[in-house]
Protein backbone atom coordinates (compact mmCIF):
# COMPACT_ATOMS: atom_id res chain seq x y z
CA MET A 1 36.21 -6.91 10.36
CA THR A 2 34.34 -9.03 12.86
CA TRP A 3 30.63 -8.38 12.66
CA THR A 4 29.13 -8.14 16.12
CA PRO A 5 25.38 -7.84 16.71
CA GLU A 6 25.94 -4.19 17.70
CA ALA A 7 27.88 -3.45 14.51
CA ILE A 8 25.15 -5.03 12.38
CA ARG A 9 22.41 -3.07 14.18
CA ALA A 10 24.45 0.13 13.71
CA LEU A 11 24.06 -0.25 9.93
CA GLY A 12 20.54 1.14 10.20
CA ALA A 13 17.46 -0.20 8.45
CA SER A 14 19.29 -1.59 5.43
CA THR A 15 22.74 -2.09 4.00
CA ASN A 16 24.31 -2.74 0.63
CA LEU A 17 24.91 -6.20 -0.81
CA HIS A 18 28.68 -5.94 -0.30
CA THR A 19 28.31 -5.44 3.45
CA ALA A 20 25.66 -8.16 3.75
CA ALA A 21 27.94 -10.55 1.86
CA GLN A 22 30.76 -9.80 4.32
CA ILE A 23 28.45 -10.49 7.26
CA PHE A 24 27.52 -13.88 5.81
CA GLY A 25 31.09 -14.65 4.75
CA LEU A 26 30.25 -14.73 1.04
CA ALA A 27 32.41 -13.68 -1.89
CA MET A 28 30.92 -10.80 -3.88
CA SER A 29 30.55 -12.91 -7.02
CA THR A 30 28.58 -15.48 -5.03
CA ALA A 31 26.48 -12.77 -3.37
CA TYR A 32 25.48 -11.25 -6.72
CA LEU A 33 24.71 -14.65 -8.17
CA LEU A 34 22.53 -15.59 -5.20
CA ALA A 35 20.78 -12.20 -5.25
CA LYS A 36 20.04 -12.53 -8.98
CA ARG A 37 18.60 -16.01 -8.42
CA GLY A 38 16.58 -14.94 -5.38
CA GLN A 39 18.64 -17.30 -3.22
CA PHE A 40 20.55 -14.87 -0.99
CA PRO A 41 20.24 -15.93 2.69
CA VAL A 42 17.81 -13.04 3.35
CA PRO A 43 15.47 -10.96 1.18
CA VAL A 44 17.21 -8.52 -1.15
CA ILE A 45 15.60 -5.39 -2.60
CA ARG A 46 16.64 -4.25 -6.05
CA ALA A 47 16.68 -0.44 -6.25
CA GLY A 48 17.62 0.55 -9.77
CA THR A 49 21.07 -0.86 -10.34
CA GLN A 50 21.77 -1.43 -6.65
CA TYR A 51 20.79 -4.10 -4.16
CA ARG A 52 19.70 -3.20 -0.62
CA VAL A 53 19.46 -5.73 2.17
CA PRO A 54 17.25 -5.08 5.23
CA VAL A 55 19.17 -5.47 8.48
CA GLN A 56 16.37 -7.07 10.55
CA PRO A 57 16.30 -10.25 8.41
CA ILE A 58 20.10 -10.48 8.71
CA LEU A 59 19.80 -10.42 12.50
CA ALA A 60 17.02 -13.02 12.35
CA ALA A 61 18.99 -15.30 10.01
CA LEU A 62 21.94 -15.15 12.38
CA ARG A 63 19.58 -15.77 15.33
CA LEU A 64 20.62 -12.57 17.07
CA GLU A 65 18.27 -10.97 19.52
CA PRO A 66 16.90 -7.53 18.65
CA GLY A 67 18.55 -4.71 20.57
CA PRO A 68 16.69 -2.37 22.95
CA ASP A 69 16.29 0.22 20.18
CA HIS A 70 15.07 -2.42 17.72
CA PRO A 71 12.02 -4.25 19.04
CA PRO A 72 11.13 -7.65 17.50
């Protein structure tokens, strides 16, 4: 899948680590390693046994403008 700004915004407020890894072009093993070390390209929230990644920092890291429904 090609991740467009619209597709990323459509994820909502946050997404899972797997999806965030796809957006950044990372293998899952690398994504988990970076998340564990606190070195993932954007902040990652640990919720129990799962990782959640806020979408706004993904857009910022990719230097994508906020959409009309998502002010800066």
